[in-house]
């Protein structure tokens, strides 16, 4: 009998108080450091005459920086989490503020590359921070609220861009506003983080490496496919909404809805998916994501964009959590190495996705074609994910339960 990945749990008193500083840090690092380009891209494309291929290169530069940041933290483990988090958050704000200072795809790519590196470093620091001790009854609720900060940051960034577009603010001043927002969020988070107990240290690089079990490679492959598929709508959904409905008062809502769905999913899915194991949740969420992408690919209407924003936004953090949980439970003592492998696969998929979109655009494919192909890839991956065999499967156990119950 398997142990469900999402058992019954209730919100514990004090969880929100403990988690909100880390959630604000993630809102700045991820909502702006990682995803600010998405709602600003339609303005940049219009003002600078940039093509879909150039947008793909700019997006991939940020994802490459994220991959480099994750790999660097593996090779050179972060020793002083508080100092590294402060430096990373400051870098995200500074690099965002610097975007108007340059006027070339190459220059913008370098800034987005560095912002991706800084956001990865910040994310790793927050993940290791642990606002409540292990085993504390508030731990699950605090974790859900912390990671809801990613979606909240995306929603806040989208709303800021929506307001700025309504005031006919251009791309340069929008970047300045988002940089100021990142700085404000970081400053708001820091007093709360400083008052908390010293954060846990990351594992030492000298610690002996546990052997990865069979099946991690297959899981990582599918996690990388998820990165390829989801990043297409996560990068270009507002641009497609603009093509369908040019009024910024309408198409500008696509990204805030995406982020709101991501934030709410972190809080709701542990209850809605109660009794399911992690791989079932992963597969089901990926099918829903594919359905959302196929909908907007075939239904060129603002309602299709809204449905896609809700389905894709409402599943990408679910898949992220379920995928990492699947690997950690399977790997046991090798969980840190498994998490590193999964993160690297995901980051590589995010780089590959926009590059494939650029290549498809070069051969005449439009966004609907790319979205439809991505949806098919995600659906195929969800089906094949159920056939991934692991060491625990081979022993007659459930892969989601480290004790094989």
Protein backbone atom coordinates (compact mmCIF):
# COMPACT_ATOMS: atom_id res chain seq x y z
CA UNK A 1 0.00 0.00 0.00
CA UNK A 2 1.41 3.39 -0.95
CA UNK A 3 1.76 6.38 1.29
CA UNK A 4 -0.10 9.34 -0.21
CA UNK A 5 2.01 12.33 -1.12
CA UNK A 6 -0.77 14.66 -0.01
CA UNK A 7 -2.15 13.46 3.34
CA UNK A 8 -4.76 15.31 5.36
CA UNK A 9 -3.22 18.46 6.78
CA UNK A 10 -4.67 21.69 8.05
CA UNK A 11 -3.29 25.19 8.19
CA UNK A 12 -1.46 25.59 11.50
CA UNK A 13 -1.54 28.78 13.57
CA UNK A 14 1.63 30.80 13.04
CA UNK A 15 2.52 29.20 9.68
CA UNK A 16 1.73 32.35 7.71
CA UNK A 17 3.69 34.51 10.17
CA UNK A 18 6.73 32.26 9.75
CA UNK A 19 6.47 31.90 5.98
CA UNK A 20 5.65 35.37 4.65
CA UNK A 21 9.24 36.75 4.62
CA UNK A 22 10.47 33.81 2.54
CA UNK A 23 7.40 34.11 0.29
CA UNK A 24 8.22 37.78 -0.37
CA UNK A 25 11.81 36.83 -1.19
CA UNK A 26 10.58 34.27 -3.73
CA UNK A 27 8.14 36.80 -5.16
CA UNK A 28 11.09 39.09 -5.93
CA UNK A 29 13.59 36.43 -7.01
CA UNK A 30 11.21 34.36 -9.17
CA UNK A 31 8.28 36.63 -10.03
CA UNK A 32 10.68 39.31 -11.28
CA UNK A 33 14.15 37.75 -11.57
CA UNK A 34 12.82 34.79 -13.56
CA UNK A 35 9.50 35.81 -15.06
CA UNK A 36 9.42 39.60 -15.51
CA UNK A 37 10.44 39.23 -19.16
CA UNK A 38 7.16 37.50 -20.05
CA UNK A 39 4.73 40.41 -19.50
CA UNK A 40 7.26 43.00 -20.75
CA UNK A 41 8.05 41.07 -23.94
CA UNK A 42 5.02 42.32 -25.96
CA UNK A 43 6.12 45.92 -25.29
CA UNK A 44 9.74 45.19 -26.20
CA UNK A 45 8.70 43.40 -29.38
CA UNK A 46 6.48 46.30 -30.44
CA UNK A 47 8.88 49.11 -29.58
CA UNK A 48 12.11 47.50 -30.79
CA UNK A 49 10.75 45.36 -33.61
CA UNK A 50 12.04 42.16 -32.07
CA UNK A 51 11.08 38.82 -33.61
CA UNK A 52 9.79 35.67 -31.93
CA UNK A 53 13.23 34.12 -32.52
CA UNK A 54 14.94 37.00 -30.70
CA UNK A 55 12.44 36.66 -27.87
CA UNK A 56 13.36 32.99 -27.65
CA UNK A 57 17.05 33.86 -27.31
CA UNK A 58 16.33 36.40 -24.56
CA UNK A 59 14.20 33.91 -22.65
CA UNK A 60 16.79 31.15 -23.04
CA UNK A 61 19.52 33.43 -21.69
CA UNK A 62 17.61 33.77 -18.41
CA UNK A 63 17.04 30.02 -18.19
CA UNK A 64 20.71 29.38 -18.94
CA UNK A 65 21.61 31.65 -16.04
CA UNK A 66 19.23 29.71 -13.81
CA UNK A 67 20.91 26.44 -14.82
CA UNK A 68 24.36 27.90 -14.16
CA UNK A 69 23.22 29.15 -10.75
CA UNK A 70 21.88 25.73 -9.81
CA UNK A 71 25.03 23.94 -10.99
CA UNK A 72 27.26 26.43 -9.18
CA UNK A 73 25.45 25.74 -5.91
CA UNK A 74 26.15 22.03 -6.38
CA UNK A 75 29.86 22.48 -7.17
CA UNK A 76 30.41 25.23 -4.58
CA UNK A 77 27.83 24.73 -1.81
CA UNK A 78 26.54 27.96 -0.30
CA UNK A 79 27.96 28.30 3.23
CA UNK A 80 26.44 31.60 4.36
CA UNK A 81 22.80 31.47 3.31
CA UNK A 82 21.82 34.82 4.78
CA UNK A 83 24.60 36.71 3.00
CA UNK A 84 24.07 34.82 -0.27
CA UNK A 85 20.33 35.53 -0.19
CA UNK A 86 20.89 39.24 0.45
CA UNK A 87 23.40 39.45 -2.43
CA UNK A 88 21.11 37.50 -4.78
CA UNK A 89 18.06 39.65 -4.07
CA UNK A 90 20.11 42.84 -4.51
CA UNK A 91 21.43 41.50 -7.82
CA UNK A 92 17.92 40.72 -9.11
CA UNK A 93 16.81 44.29 -8.40
CA UNK A 94 19.97 45.88 -9.86
CA UNK A 95 19.95 43.78 -13.03
CA UNK A 96 16.27 44.52 -13.64
CA UNK A 97 16.89 48.26 -13.17
CA UNK A 98 19.77 48.03 -15.67
CA UNK A 99 17.64 46.74 -18.56
CA UNK A 100 16.86 50.24 -19.97
CA UNK A 101 20.56 51.12 -19.99
CA UNK A 102 21.22 48.77 -22.93
CA UNK A 103 19.67 48.69 -26.37
CA UNK A 104 20.66 45.41 -27.99
CA UNK A 105 19.59 41.78 -27.84
CA UNK A 106 23.13 40.81 -26.81
CA UNK A 107 23.19 43.26 -23.92
CA UNK A 108 19.71 42.35 -22.71
CA UNK A 109 20.65 38.67 -22.92
CA UNK A 110 23.65 39.19 -20.65
CA UNK A 111 21.51 40.97 -18.07
CA UNK A 112 18.83 38.28 -18.17
CA UNK A 113 21.54 35.60 -17.93
CA UNK A 114 22.88 37.19 -14.75
CA UNK A 115 19.35 37.68 -13.37
CA UNK A 116 18.66 33.98 -13.92
CA UNK A 117 21.82 33.08 -11.99
CA UNK A 118 20.83 35.37 -9.12
CA UNK A 119 17.27 34.03 -8.99
CA UNK A 120 18.55 30.43 -8.82
CA UNK A 121 20.86 31.34 -5.95
CA UNK A 122 18.01 33.07 -4.10
CA UNK A 123 15.68 30.12 -4.66
CA UNK A 124 18.25 27.65 -3.28
CA UNK A 125 18.80 29.84 -0.22
CA UNK A 126 15.06 30.07 0.48
CA UNK A 127 14.65 26.32 -0.03
CA UNK A 128 17.38 25.69 2.56
CA UNK A 129 16.16 28.36 4.97
CA UNK A 130 13.46 26.22 6.68
CA UNK A 131 11.40 28.80 8.60
CA UNK A 132 10.21 26.11 11.05
CA UNK A 133 12.19 23.10 12.36
CA UNK A 134 11.86 19.72 10.66
CA UNK A 135 8.94 17.80 12.14
CA UNK A 136 7.17 20.94 13.36
CA UNK A 137 3.40 20.54 12.75
CA UNK A 138 3.43 23.88 10.93
CA UNK A 139 6.05 22.71 8.44
CA UNK A 140 3.68 21.60 5.64
CA UNK A 141 1.55 24.74 5.84
CA UNK A 142 4.62 26.99 5.99
CA UNK A 143 6.12 25.26 2.95
CA UNK A 144 2.92 25.67 0.91
CA UNK A 145 2.70 29.35 1.80
CA UNK A 146 6.38 29.93 1.05
CA UNK A 147 6.16 28.50 -2.46
CA UNK A 148 2.90 30.33 -3.10
CA UNK A 149 5.20 33.36 -3.16
CA UNK A 150 6.35 32.35 -6.66
CA UNK A 151 2.84 32.61 -8.07
CA UNK A 152 2.09 35.71 -6.03
CA UNK A 153 5.19 37.38 -7.47
CA UNK A 154 4.15 36.47 -11.01
CA UNK A 155 0.65 37.85 -10.40
CA UNK A 156 1.99 41.06 -8.86
CA UNK A 157 4.40 41.56 -11.76
CA UNK A 158 1.60 41.02 -14.24
CA UNK A 159 -0.70 43.48 -12.47
CA UNK A 160 2.07 46.09 -12.37
CA UNK A 161 2.64 45.69 -16.11
CA UNK A 162 -1.11 45.87 -16.74
CA UNK A 163 -1.34 49.17 -14.88
CA UNK A 164 1.72 50.58 -16.64
CA UNK A 165 0.34 49.63 -20.07
CA UNK A 166 -2.92 51.37 -19.20
CA UNK A 167 -0.86 54.53 -18.57
CA UNK A 168 1.00 54.05 -21.90
CA UNK A 169 4.30 53.45 -20.12
CA UNK A 170 6.97 52.01 -22.41
CA UNK A 171 9.21 48.99 -21.91
CA UNK A 172 12.16 50.94 -20.45
CA UNK A 173 10.17 52.58 -17.68
CA UNK A 174 8.35 49.30 -17.06
CA UNK A 175 11.71 47.62 -16.37
CA UNK A 176 12.57 50.44 -13.98
CA UNK A 177 9.27 50.00 -12.15
CA UNK A 178 9.78 46.23 -11.86
CA UNK A 179 13.32 46.73 -10.56
CA UNK A 180 11.98 49.09 -7.92
CA UNK A 181 9.29 46.53 -7.06
CA UNK A 182 11.92 43.79 -6.64
CA UNK A 183 13.89 46.05 -4.32
CA UNK A 184 10.77 46.92 -2.30
CA UNK A 185 9.78 43.26 -1.90
CA UNK A 186 13.30 42.34 -0.80
CA UNK A 187 13.47 45.15 1.73
CA UNK A 188 10.06 44.18 3.08
CA UNK A 189 11.16 40.54 3.46
CA UNK A 190 14.51 41.17 5.10
CA UNK A 191 13.48 42.23 8.62
CA UNK A 192 11.33 39.10 8.98
CA UNK A 193 14.11 36.87 7.68
CA UNK A 194 16.64 38.51 9.97
CA UNK A 195 14.48 37.85 13.02
CA UNK A 196 14.26 34.13 12.29
CA UNK A 197 16.72 31.58 13.63
CA UNK A 198 19.96 31.09 11.67
CA UNK A 199 19.14 29.11 8.52
CA UNK A 200 20.18 25.51 8.11
CA UNK A 201 23.44 24.81 6.32
CA UNK A 202 23.45 23.08 2.99
CA UNK A 203 25.13 19.63 2.86
CA UNK A 204 28.90 19.78 2.73
CA UNK A 205 30.55 19.17 -0.59
CA UNK A 206 32.84 16.69 1.19
CA UNK A 207 29.97 14.48 2.36
CA UNK A 208 29.99 11.02 0.74
CA UNK A 209 27.61 10.78 -2.20
CA UNK A 210 24.88 8.17 -1.90
CA UNK A 211 24.11 6.05 -4.94
CA UNK A 212 21.17 7.15 -7.03
CA UNK A 213 18.53 4.43 -7.43
CA UNK A 214 17.36 3.08 -10.76
CA UNK A 215 14.62 5.23 -12.28
CA UNK A 216 15.94 8.68 -11.35
CA UNK A 217 17.24 9.12 -14.88
CA UNK A 218 13.81 8.35 -16.33
CA UNK A 219 12.09 10.70 -13.89
CA UNK A 220 14.59 13.44 -14.71
CA UNK A 221 13.98 12.95 -18.43
CA UNK A 222 10.25 13.50 -17.99
CA UNK A 223 10.90 16.43 -15.65
CA UNK A 224 13.05 17.95 -18.38
CA UNK A 225 10.24 17.40 -20.92
CA UNK A 226 7.94 19.27 -18.54
CA UNK A 227 10.46 22.12 -18.61
CA UNK A 228 10.45 22.12 -22.42
CA UNK A 229 6.67 22.11 -22.67
CA UNK A 230 5.57 24.50 -19.98
CA UNK A 231 8.09 27.24 -20.73
CA UNK A 232 6.55 27.98 -24.14
CA UNK A 233 3.24 29.32 -22.75
CA UNK A 234 5.03 30.68 -19.66
CA UNK A 235 7.14 32.83 -21.98
CA UNK A 236 4.81 33.75 -24.82
CA UNK A 237 1.23 33.56 -23.50
CA UNK A 238 0.85 37.36 -23.11
CA UNK A 239 2.25 37.86 -26.62
CA UNK A 240 -0.32 35.44 -28.03
CA UNK A 241 -3.07 37.18 -26.05
CA UNK A 242 -1.95 40.48 -27.63
CA UNK A 243 -2.23 38.95 -31.11
CA UNK A 244 -5.78 37.80 -30.41
CA UNK A 245 -6.94 40.95 -28.61
CA UNK A 246 -4.65 44.00 -28.97
CA UNK A 247 -6.30 46.01 -26.18
CA UNK A 248 -3.84 45.92 -23.22
CA UNK A 249 -6.76 46.23 -20.82
CA UNK A 250 -7.78 42.74 -22.01
CA UNK A 251 -4.65 40.80 -23.01
CA UNK A 252 -2.72 42.16 -20.03
CA UNK A 253 -4.76 40.01 -17.64
CA UNK A 254 -3.27 36.76 -19.00
CA UNK A 255 -0.12 36.90 -16.85
CA UNK A 256 -1.75 38.00 -13.55
CA UNK A 257 -4.23 35.12 -13.91
CA UNK A 258 -1.33 32.74 -14.57
CA UNK A 259 0.40 33.81 -11.36
CA UNK A 260 -2.77 33.82 -9.27
CA UNK A 261 -3.56 30.28 -10.38
CA UNK A 262 0.00 29.21 -9.47
CA UNK A 263 -0.25 30.75 -6.00
CA UNK A 264 -3.66 29.26 -5.23
CA UNK A 265 -2.65 25.83 -6.51
CA UNK A 266 0.13 25.63 -3.91
CA UNK A 267 -2.46 26.09 -1.18
CA UNK A 268 -5.34 24.05 -2.64
CA UNK A 269 -3.79 20.97 -4.27
CA UNK A 270 -2.57 19.38 -1.00
CA UNK A 271 -6.26 19.25 -0.04
CA UNK A 272 -7.80 18.48 -3.45
CA UNK A 273 -5.27 15.69 -4.20
CA UNK A 274 -5.61 14.08 -0.78
CA UNK A 275 -4.95 10.35 -0.91
CA UNK A 276 -3.10 10.44 -4.26
CA UNK A 277 0.55 9.54 -4.63
CA UNK A 278 3.02 12.01 -6.07
CA UNK A 279 3.41 10.44 -9.51
CA UNK A 280 -0.37 10.33 -10.02
CA UNK A 281 -0.59 14.03 -9.18
CA UNK A 282 2.30 14.80 -11.54
CA UNK A 283 0.73 12.92 -14.46
CA UNK A 284 -2.75 14.36 -13.92
CA UNK A 285 -1.46 17.92 -13.65
CA UNK A 286 0.62 17.52 -16.80
CA UNK A 287 -2.40 16.32 -18.76
CA UNK A 288 -4.34 19.38 -17.59
CA UNK A 289 -1.47 21.61 -18.64
CA UNK A 290 -1.40 20.03 -22.10
CA UNK A 291 -5.17 20.55 -22.39
CA UNK A 292 -4.78 24.23 -21.58
CA UNK A 293 -2.07 24.68 -24.20
CA UNK A 294 -4.07 22.80 -26.84
CA UNK A 295 -7.09 24.95 -26.07
CA UNK A 296 -5.34 28.23 -26.77
CA UNK A 297 -3.58 26.75 -29.81
CA UNK A 298 -6.89 25.81 -31.45
CA UNK A 299 -9.24 28.43 -30.03
CA UNK A 300 -8.01 31.92 -30.95
CA UNK A 301 -10.21 33.78 -28.51
CA UNK A 302 -9.47 35.67 -25.32
CA UNK A 303 -11.49 33.04 -23.43
CA UNK A 304 -9.04 30.40 -24.70
CA UNK A 305 -6.12 32.47 -23.41
CA UNK A 306 -7.76 32.83 -20.01
CA UNK A 307 -8.43 29.09 -19.80
CA UNK A 308 -4.83 28.35 -20.78
CA UNK A 309 -3.52 30.81 -18.17
CA UNK A 310 -5.56 29.10 -15.47
CA UNK A 311 -4.69 25.53 -16.52
CA UNK A 312 -0.99 26.13 -17.15
CA UNK A 313 -0.52 28.51 -14.23
CA UNK A 314 -2.51 26.25 -11.94
CA UNK A 315 -0.41 23.17 -12.70
CA UNK A 316 3.21 24.21 -13.17
CA UNK A 317 3.96 24.59 -9.46
CA UNK A 318 1.97 21.41 -8.74
CA UNK A 319 4.15 19.46 -11.17
CA UNK A 320 7.28 21.09 -9.75
CA UNK A 321 6.44 20.00 -6.22
CA UNK A 322 5.17 16.54 -7.17
CA UNK A 323 8.18 15.84 -9.38
CA UNK A 324 10.69 16.81 -6.72
CA UNK A 325 8.75 14.84 -4.10
CA UNK A 326 8.74 11.76 -6.33
CA UNK A 327 12.52 11.93 -6.70
CA UNK A 328 13.21 12.64 -3.03
CA UNK A 329 11.07 9.77 -1.79
CA UNK A 330 12.61 7.35 -4.26
CA UNK A 331 16.20 8.42 -3.63
CA UNK A 332 16.23 8.18 0.18
CA UNK A 333 19.75 9.07 1.36
CA UNK A 334 20.62 10.26 -2.15
CA UNK A 335 17.80 12.85 -2.12
CA UNK A 336 20.15 15.88 -2.46
CA UNK A 337 21.79 14.38 -5.55
CA UNK A 338 18.40 13.41 -6.97
CA UNK A 339 17.12 16.96 -6.47
CA UNK A 340 20.21 18.30 -8.25
CA UNK A 341 19.67 15.96 -11.20
CA UNK A 342 15.98 16.90 -11.46
CA UNK A 343 16.75 20.63 -11.21
CA UNK A 344 19.42 20.41 -13.90
CA UNK A 345 17.06 18.49 -16.21
CA UNK A 346 14.30 21.03 -15.69
CA UNK A 347 16.61 23.99 -16.29
CA UNK A 348 17.99 22.36 -19.44
CA UNK A 349 14.43 21.81 -20.67
CA UNK A 350 13.63 25.48 -20.12
CA UNK A 351 16.61 26.44 -22.26
CA UNK A 352 15.70 23.99 -24.99
CA UNK A 353 12.03 25.03 -25.16
CA UNK A 354 12.48 28.63 -26.39
CA UNK A 355 15.30 27.53 -28.71
CA UNK A 356 12.97 25.00 -30.32
CA UNK A 357 10.32 27.73 -30.59
CA UNK A 358 12.86 29.97 -32.33
CA UNK A 359 13.81 27.16 -34.71
CA UNK A 360 10.16 26.46 -35.46
CA UNK A 361 9.58 30.17 -36.13
CA UNK A 362 12.53 30.12 -38.55
CA UNK A 363 10.75 27.39 -40.50
CA UNK A 364 7.47 29.33 -40.57
CA UNK A 365 5.64 27.92 -37.55
CA UNK A 366 3.56 30.30 -35.44
CA UNK A 367 2.82 30.28 -31.74
CA UNK A 368 -0.31 28.10 -32.14
CA UNK A 369 1.76 25.44 -33.90
CA UNK A 370 4.45 25.53 -31.22
CA UNK A 371 1.87 25.32 -28.43
CA UNK A 372 0.10 22.37 -30.07
CA UNK A 373 3.39 20.51 -30.47
CA UNK A 374 4.32 21.24 -26.85
CA UNK A 375 0.92 19.99 -25.66
CA UNK A 376 1.41 16.73 -27.56
CA UNK A 377 4.87 16.32 -26.03
CA UNK A 378 3.53 16.86 -22.51
CA UNK A 379 0.67 14.40 -23.02
CA UNK A 380 3.05 11.74 -24.35
CA UNK A 381 5.38 12.32 -21.41
CA UNK A 382 2.51 11.98 -18.91
CA UNK A 383 1.57 8.63 -20.45
CA UNK A 384 5.15 7.34 -20.50
CA UNK A 385 5.78 8.57 -16.94
CA UNK A 386 3.51 5.82 -15.65
CA UNK A 387 5.79 3.25 -17.27
CA UNK A 388 9.04 4.46 -15.67
CA UNK A 389 10.42 1.53 -13.66
CA UNK A 390 12.36 2.20 -10.49
CA UNK A 391 14.30 0.08 -8.01
CA UNK A 392 11.38 0.16 -5.62
CA UNK A 393 8.95 -0.74 -8.38
CA UNK A 394 11.09 -3.70 -9.30
CA UNK A 395 10.99 -4.87 -5.70
CA UNK A 396 7.21 -4.72 -5.71
CA UNK A 397 6.96 -1.44 -3.82
CA UNK A 398 5.42 1.88 -4.64
CA UNK A 399 7.95 4.38 -5.95
CA UNK A 400 6.43 7.23 -4.01
CA UNK A 401 7.02 5.62 -0.62
CA UNK A 402 10.60 5.39 0.63
CA UNK A 403 9.62 2.62 3.04
CA UNK A 404 7.91 0.57 0.35
CA UNK A 405 4.61 0.43 2.17
